[in-house]
Amino acid sequence: MLHVVLLILKIIGIILAALLGLLLLILLLLLFVPIRYKGRLQKEKELLVRAKVTWLLHMVSVPVVFQEGTLSARIKLFGITIKNLTEDEEELKQSAEELFRDTEDAAAQGEEQILETEDPPLEQTGKDESDFSLEGMEDSKGPENTESQRILENPFGEEDVGQEEVREQGISEEKGLPNSLIRRLVGKIKVFFLKIFGIWQKIKNLKYTFRRFCVKIKRGIRKYRDTKEFLLDERTKKAVSHCISEGKLLLARLLPKKMRGELSFGTEDPALTGQILGGISIFYPVFKDNVKVYPDFERSVLEGELFVKGSFRLVTAALILWRLWRDKNIRYVYHKLRN
């Protein structure tokens, strides 16, 4: 029985060791097998760009083509396409176009329905609406209808408002003051107090606005002081210097090892052409004499051909990230910015 248990444990250990070895092999391949890339750019009448990224002896490849305004990019495994990177974008464009067409059709149908329902034809009854309403009103006159109308207008038996106003005005005039004068006086007093209240409310709002403005200024000053202190800190300066040096190393590894081509360019403005030429000259240590640039100061033109080829290992990026993470100054800057 013990022999069987040991045999099972041995088999499990062999399987785990094989899986661990396989994972280690995949990790080493990812880190040390270079990712190679090459690309070609041509510009005569139209722009043509062809690029290809390969890994592990071309078992994994990503060809990219841009021609006649159309971009094509695929992920291939052993030469078989497993993912079309531009398929999602094409489907999105198609769905957007279909949605736009459906929206236009629905809007057109809605407009038709509205036009059909607007201004329905009146039934020809031989009488005008105004005549009908007037005749109805004349027919409804009478002692019974008049009484019922009065009850509906004054259901609680209240006296007419106009008669009440006349009686109140007579009483006020008997006392010596016309009612209209009292009402105007009361209205003016109300308007006066409302104006005072409005002015006071505006003063309070102005006070609150000034307080908020002062608070914002204090916060801005505090933030400026904290930012200045953070930027002038020696740890921040050392972290930035370390990031720049590692960035230069990463860029040197990413730049193509081979580069050749010819480029002819120009603009209608000679000064602008000179500025572009000065910007290109910055990259002279990279391409040296392998790329020839011909500026044209008289006409607007962009023609030429460029070929690049290079490689890159992920272990370089992993080592750079490890060195950056171990730097305590960079960790300080990271936590400071996060908080």
Protein backbone atom coordinates (compact mmCIF):
# COMPACT_ATOMS: atom_id res chain seq x y z
CA MET A 1 0.00 0.00 0.00
CA LEU A 2 2.83 2.40 0.87
CA HIS A 3 4.55 1.57 -2.41
CA VAL A 4 1.42 2.63 -4.36
CA VAL A 5 1.16 5.93 -2.46
CA LEU A 6 4.83 6.70 -3.11
CA LEU A 7 4.37 5.89 -6.80
CA ILE A 8 1.41 8.27 -7.03
CA LEU A 9 3.35 11.02 -5.26
CA LYS A 10 6.28 10.41 -7.61
CA ILE A 11 4.05 10.77 -10.67
CA ILE A 12 2.50 13.97 -9.27
CA GLY A 13 5.98 15.36 -8.58
CA ILE A 14 7.13 14.56 -12.10
CA ILE A 15 4.08 16.31 -13.57
CA LEU A 16 4.58 19.37 -11.36
CA ALA A 17 8.28 19.50 -12.24
CA ALA A 18 7.45 19.24 -15.94
CA LEU A 19 4.91 22.05 -15.67
CA LEU A 20 7.36 24.19 -13.72
CA GLY A 21 10.07 23.52 -16.29
CA LEU A 22 7.70 24.39 -19.10
CA LEU A 23 6.75 27.68 -17.42
CA LEU A 24 10.43 28.46 -16.84
CA LEU A 25 11.22 27.70 -20.47
CA ILE A 26 8.41 29.98 -21.68
CA LEU A 27 9.64 32.74 -19.36
CA LEU A 28 13.21 32.42 -20.63
CA LEU A 29 11.98 32.48 -24.23
CA LEU A 30 9.95 35.60 -23.57
CA LEU A 31 12.86 37.35 -21.91
CA PHE A 32 15.86 36.35 -24.04
CA VAL A 33 14.53 35.57 -27.52
CA PRO A 34 14.63 38.91 -29.38
CA ILE A 35 11.58 40.52 -30.89
CA ARG A 36 12.57 41.53 -34.41
CA TYR A 37 10.98 44.19 -36.54
CA LYS A 38 11.44 45.66 -39.98
CA GLY A 39 9.58 48.21 -42.01
CA ARG A 40 9.55 49.97 -45.34
CA LEU A 41 8.05 53.34 -46.18
CA GLN A 42 7.54 54.54 -49.74
CA LYS A 43 6.05 57.83 -50.92
CA GLU A 44 5.66 58.67 -54.58
CA LYS A 45 2.09 59.32 -55.61
CA GLU A 46 0.58 57.57 -52.59
CA LEU A 47 1.90 56.55 -49.19
CA LEU A 48 2.74 52.87 -48.69
CA VAL A 49 3.87 51.50 -45.33
CA ARG A 50 4.78 47.85 -44.72
CA ALA A 51 5.98 46.62 -41.35
CA LYS A 52 6.36 43.24 -39.67
CA VAL A 53 7.11 42.17 -36.11
CA THR A 54 8.28 38.58 -35.57
CA TRP A 55 9.24 36.46 -32.58
CA LEU A 56 10.62 32.97 -32.04
CA LEU A 57 11.87 32.22 -35.56
CA HIS A 58 8.79 33.76 -37.22
CA MET A 59 6.42 31.39 -35.44
CA VAL A 60 4.60 34.47 -34.17
CA SER A 61 4.30 37.41 -36.54
CA VAL A 62 2.31 40.63 -36.82
CA PRO A 63 2.26 42.07 -40.37
CA VAL A 64 0.98 45.63 -40.77
CA VAL A 65 0.15 47.28 -44.10
CA PHE A 66 -1.10 50.81 -44.76
CA GLN A 67 -2.02 51.43 -48.39
CA GLU A 68 -4.50 53.76 -50.09
CA GLY A 69 -5.78 55.00 -46.74
CA THR A 70 -6.57 51.47 -45.48
CA LEU A 71 -4.86 49.86 -42.48
CA SER A 72 -4.48 46.10 -42.17
CA ALA A 73 -2.94 44.35 -39.14
CA ARG A 74 -3.10 40.67 -38.15
CA ILE A 75 -1.61 38.33 -35.56
CA LYS A 76 -0.38 35.09 -37.11
CA LEU A 77 0.77 31.84 -35.50
CA PHE A 78 2.74 29.52 -37.79
CA GLY A 79 1.46 31.58 -40.72
CA ILE A 80 -2.21 31.17 -39.76
CA THR A 81 -4.21 34.29 -38.87
CA ILE A 82 -5.60 34.00 -35.35
CA LYS A 83 -6.64 37.62 -34.83
CA ASN A 84 -7.50 40.46 -37.18
CA LEU A 85 -6.66 43.63 -35.26
CA THR A 86 -8.60 45.89 -37.65
CA GLU A 87 -11.71 43.70 -37.75
CA ASP A 88 -13.21 45.27 -34.62
CA GLU A 89 -12.73 48.75 -36.07
CA GLU A 90 -14.41 47.75 -39.35
CA GLU A 91 -17.33 46.16 -37.50
CA LEU A 92 -17.67 49.29 -35.38
CA LYS A 93 -17.80 51.48 -38.49
CA GLN A 94 -20.39 49.21 -40.12
CA SER A 95 -22.57 49.16 -37.00
CA ALA A 96 -22.32 52.96 -36.74
CA GLU A 97 -23.36 53.34 -40.40
CA GLU A 98 -26.30 50.94 -39.92
CA LEU A 99 -27.40 52.79 -36.79
CA PHE A 100 -27.20 56.11 -38.64
CA ARG A 101 -29.31 54.75 -41.49
CA ASP A 102 -31.90 53.31 -39.07
CA THR A 103 -32.09 56.66 -37.28
CA GLU A 104 -32.65 58.51 -40.56
CA ASP A 105 -35.40 56.05 -41.59
CA ALA A 106 -37.14 56.38 -38.21
CA ALA A 107 -36.98 60.17 -38.42
CA ALA A 108 -38.44 60.13 -41.93
CA GLN A 109 -41.29 57.85 -40.84
CA GLY A 110 -42.00 60.09 -37.85
CA GLU A 111 -42.18 63.18 -40.07
CA GLU A 112 -44.63 61.41 -42.40
CA GLN A 113 -46.86 60.42 -39.47
CA ILE A 114 -46.81 63.98 -38.13
CA LEU A 115 -47.76 65.39 -41.54
CA GLU A 116 -50.62 62.91 -41.78
CA THR A 117 -52.01 63.72 -38.34
CA GLU A 118 -51.68 67.51 -38.61
CA ASP A 119 -54.74 69.58 -39.79
CA PRO A 120 -57.29 66.75 -40.11
CA PRO A 121 -60.15 67.67 -42.49
CA LEU A 122 -63.23 68.95 -40.82
CA GLU A 123 -66.46 67.09 -41.42
CA GLN A 124 -68.78 68.91 -43.73
CA THR A 125 -71.89 69.43 -41.63
CA GLY A 126 -73.18 72.41 -43.56
CA LYS A 127 -72.55 74.77 -40.61
CA ASP A 128 -69.58 76.71 -39.47
CA GLU A 129 -68.11 76.10 -35.98
CA SER A 130 -68.78 79.70 -34.98
CA ASP A 131 -72.39 79.42 -36.10
CA PHE A 132 -72.80 76.21 -34.16
CA SER A 133 -71.41 77.68 -30.96
CA LEU A 134 -73.53 80.82 -31.26
CA GLU A 135 -76.70 78.88 -31.94
CA GLY A 136 -76.03 76.66 -28.98
CA MET A 137 -75.57 79.67 -26.77
CA GLU A 138 -78.78 81.25 -28.02
CA ASP A 139 -80.76 78.06 -27.55
CA SER A 140 -79.46 77.65 -24.03
CA LYS A 141 -80.83 81.02 -22.95
CA GLY A 142 -83.90 80.98 -20.75
CA PRO A 143 -84.95 81.38 -17.19
CA GLU A 144 -83.97 77.88 -16.14
CA ASN A 145 -80.62 77.97 -17.91
CA THR A 146 -79.86 81.41 -16.51
CA GLU A 147 -80.52 80.26 -12.98
CA SER A 148 -78.42 77.14 -13.37
CA GLN A 149 -75.61 79.21 -14.89
CA ARG A 150 -75.68 81.59 -11.94
CA ILE A 151 -75.53 78.67 -9.50
CA LEU A 152 -72.57 77.16 -11.34
CA GLU A 153 -70.71 80.46 -11.37
CA ASN A 154 -71.40 81.15 -7.68
CA PRO A 155 -72.14 77.77 -6.04
CA PHE A 156 -71.65 78.96 -2.45
CA GLY A 157 -74.06 81.87 -2.73
CA GLU A 158 -71.33 84.45 -2.51
CA GLU A 159 -72.06 87.93 -3.74
CA ASP A 160 -70.58 89.28 -6.86
CA VAL A 161 -67.00 90.44 -6.48
CA GLY A 162 -67.69 93.67 -8.29
CA GLN A 163 -70.59 94.53 -5.96
CA GLU A 164 -68.41 93.80 -2.92
CA GLU A 165 -65.67 96.08 -4.23
CA VAL A 166 -68.20 98.85 -4.86
CA ARG A 167 -69.57 98.50 -1.31
CA GLU A 168 -66.07 98.51 0.23
CA GLN A 169 -65.15 101.54 -1.84
CA GLY A 170 -68.26 103.34 -0.64
CA ILE A 171 -67.43 102.53 2.99
CA SER A 172 -63.86 103.73 2.56
CA GLU A 173 -65.01 106.92 0.89
CA GLU A 174 -67.42 107.50 3.77
CA LYS A 175 -64.50 107.27 6.16
CA GLY A 176 -62.58 109.81 4.11
CA LEU A 177 -59.95 107.61 2.33
CA PRO A 178 -60.45 106.11 -1.10
CA ASN A 179 -59.79 102.37 -1.24
CA SER A 180 -57.57 102.68 -4.33
CA LEU A 181 -55.18 105.03 -2.48
CA ILE A 182 -54.80 102.54 0.39
CA ARG A 183 -54.07 99.73 -2.05
CA ARG A 184 -51.44 101.74 -3.90
CA LEU A 185 -49.82 102.72 -0.61
CA VAL A 186 -49.71 99.11 0.60
CA GLY A 187 -48.29 97.99 -2.76
CA LYS A 188 -45.55 100.60 -2.66
CA ILE A 189 -44.61 99.56 0.88
CA LYS A 190 -44.41 95.93 -0.22
CA VAL A 191 -42.23 96.80 -3.22
CA PHE A 192 -39.97 98.91 -0.99
CA PHE A 193 -39.38 96.06 1.47
CA LEU A 194 -38.93 93.55 -1.33
CA LYS A 195 -36.25 95.75 -2.88
CA ILE A 196 -34.50 96.09 0.48
CA PHE A 197 -34.67 92.32 0.97
CA GLY A 198 -33.28 91.73 -2.54
CA ILE A 199 -30.40 94.13 -1.98
CA TRP A 200 -29.58 92.45 1.34
CA GLN A 201 -29.69 89.01 -0.31
CA LYS A 202 -27.31 90.20 -3.03
CA ILE A 203 -24.93 91.55 -0.38
CA LYS A 204 -24.98 88.18 1.40
CA ASN A 205 -24.37 86.33 -1.87
CA LEU A 206 -21.49 88.69 -2.66
CA LYS A 207 -20.02 88.01 0.75
CA TYR A 208 -20.23 84.22 0.25
CA THR A 209 -18.71 84.56 -3.22
CA PHE A 210 -15.80 86.57 -1.84
CA ARG A 211 -15.23 83.96 0.87
CA ARG A 212 -15.16 81.14 -1.68
CA PHE A 213 -12.74 83.15 -3.81
CA CYS A 214 -10.44 83.64 -0.81
CA VAL A 215 -10.57 79.91 0.00
CA LYS A 216 -9.64 79.05 -3.59
CA ILE A 217 -6.72 81.47 -3.49
CA LYS A 218 -5.46 79.94 -0.24
CA ARG A 219 -5.74 76.44 -1.68
CA GLY A 220 -3.91 77.52 -4.84
CA ILE A 221 -1.09 79.09 -2.81
CA ARG A 222 -0.81 75.99 -0.65
CA LYS A 223 -0.76 73.74 -3.70
CA TYR A 224 1.88 75.92 -5.36
CA ARG A 225 4.10 75.75 -2.27
CA ASP A 226 3.72 71.96 -2.01
CA THR A 227 4.49 71.51 -5.72
CA LYS A 228 7.51 73.78 -5.53
CA GLU A 229 8.80 71.95 -2.46
CA PHE A 230 8.24 68.60 -4.18
CA LEU A 231 10.07 69.65 -7.37
CA LEU A 232 13.01 71.17 -5.51
CA ASP A 233 13.42 68.11 -3.29
CA GLU A 234 16.72 66.30 -3.82
CA ARG A 235 14.95 62.94 -3.93
CA THR A 236 12.76 64.16 -6.79
CA LYS A 237 15.78 65.44 -8.73
CA LYS A 238 17.62 62.13 -8.31
CA ALA A 239 14.53 60.16 -9.37
CA VAL A 240 14.11 62.28 -12.54
CA SER A 241 17.80 61.93 -13.38
CA HIS A 242 17.62 58.15 -12.97
CA CYS A 243 14.49 57.91 -15.17
CA ILE A 244 16.16 59.98 -17.91
CA SER A 245 19.27 57.79 -17.94
CA GLU A 246 17.24 54.56 -18.05
CA GLY A 247 15.01 56.05 -20.76
CA LYS A 248 18.04 56.81 -22.91
CA LEU A 249 19.24 53.23 -22.49
CA LEU A 250 15.81 51.86 -23.45
CA LEU A 251 15.66 54.13 -26.50
CA ALA A 252 19.14 53.02 -27.60
CA ARG A 253 18.00 49.37 -27.45
CA LEU A 254 14.77 50.09 -29.33
CA LEU A 255 16.31 52.08 -32.19
CA PRO A 256 16.85 50.17 -35.43
CA LYS A 257 20.23 48.61 -36.06
CA LYS A 258 19.94 49.06 -39.80
CA MET A 259 18.54 52.05 -41.63
CA ARG A 260 18.87 53.23 -45.19
CA GLY A 261 16.93 55.37 -47.59
CA GLU A 262 16.51 58.67 -49.38
CA LEU A 263 14.08 61.44 -48.56
CA SER A 264 13.21 64.55 -50.53
CA PHE A 265 10.98 67.10 -48.84
CA GLY A 266 10.09 70.74 -49.11
CA THR A 267 7.45 73.34 -48.31
CA GLU A 268 6.39 76.57 -49.93
CA ASP A 269 7.99 78.44 -47.03
CA PRO A 270 11.84 78.22 -47.13
CA ALA A 271 12.06 79.14 -43.45
CA LEU A 272 9.79 76.25 -42.45
CA THR A 273 11.81 73.87 -44.63
CA GLY A 274 14.97 74.96 -42.85
CA GLN A 275 13.38 74.38 -39.45
CA ILE A 276 12.32 70.85 -40.46
CA LEU A 277 15.82 70.14 -41.73
CA GLY A 278 17.23 71.30 -38.39
CA GLY A 279 14.88 68.93 -36.55
CA ILE A 280 15.91 66.01 -38.75
CA SER A 281 19.60 66.76 -38.18
CA ILE A 282 19.13 65.95 -34.48
CA PHE A 283 18.78 62.29 -35.45
CA TYR A 284 21.94 62.32 -37.56
CA PRO A 285 23.91 60.20 -35.04
CA VAL A 286 21.27 57.50 -35.50
CA PHE A 287 21.19 57.16 -39.29
CA LYS A 288 24.52 58.90 -40.12
CA ASP A 289 25.23 58.53 -43.85
CA ASN A 290 22.78 55.66 -44.39
CA VAL A 291 19.83 58.02 -44.93
CA LYS A 292 20.20 60.89 -47.37
CA VAL A 293 17.93 63.92 -46.99
CA TYR A 294 17.43 66.40 -49.83
CA PRO A 295 15.58 69.61 -48.91
CA ASP A 296 13.69 71.53 -51.58
CA PHE A 297 13.30 75.22 -50.76
CA GLU A 298 11.27 76.12 -53.86
CA ARG A 299 8.29 73.73 -53.96
CA SER A 300 6.15 71.61 -51.67
CA VAL A 301 7.13 67.96 -52.07
CA LEU A 302 7.47 64.76 -50.01
CA GLU A 303 8.96 61.76 -51.75
CA GLY A 304 11.37 59.01 -50.87
CA GLU A 305 11.93 55.57 -49.44
CA LEU A 306 13.04 54.41 -46.01
CA PHE A 307 13.93 50.96 -44.70
CA VAL A 308 14.54 50.10 -41.03
CA LYS A 309 15.37 46.87 -39.22
CA GLY A 310 16.06 46.12 -35.57
CA SER A 311 15.44 43.88 -32.59
CA PHE A 312 14.74 44.13 -28.90
CA ARG A 313 14.85 41.77 -25.92
CA LEU A 314 12.29 41.97 -23.15
CA VAL A 315 14.95 41.16 -20.57
CA THR A 316 16.35 44.66 -21.13
CA ALA A 317 13.01 46.26 -20.27
CA ALA A 318 12.61 43.92 -17.28
CA LEU A 319 16.03 44.89 -15.90
CA ILE A 320 15.30 48.60 -16.39
CA LEU A 321 11.96 48.28 -14.55
CA TRP A 322 13.65 46.32 -11.75
CA ARG A 323 16.34 48.97 -11.28
CA LEU A 324 13.74 51.74 -11.30
CA TRP A 325 11.57 49.96 -8.72
CA ARG A 326 14.53 49.35 -6.39
CA ASP A 327 15.36 53.06 -6.38
CA LYS A 328 13.97 54.50 -3.13
CA ASN A 329 13.81 57.99 -4.63
CA ILE A 330 11.51 56.78 -7.42
CA ARG A 331 9.32 54.97 -4.90
CA TYR A 332 9.08 58.19 -2.91
CA VAL A 333 8.01 60.15 -6.02
CA TYR A 334 5.51 57.45 -6.96
CA HIS A 335 3.81 57.43 -3.56
CA LYS A 336 3.88 61.25 -3.43
CA LEU A 337 2.15 61.55 -6.79
CA ARG A 338 -0.33 58.82 -5.91
CA ASN A 339 -1.36 60.53 -2.70
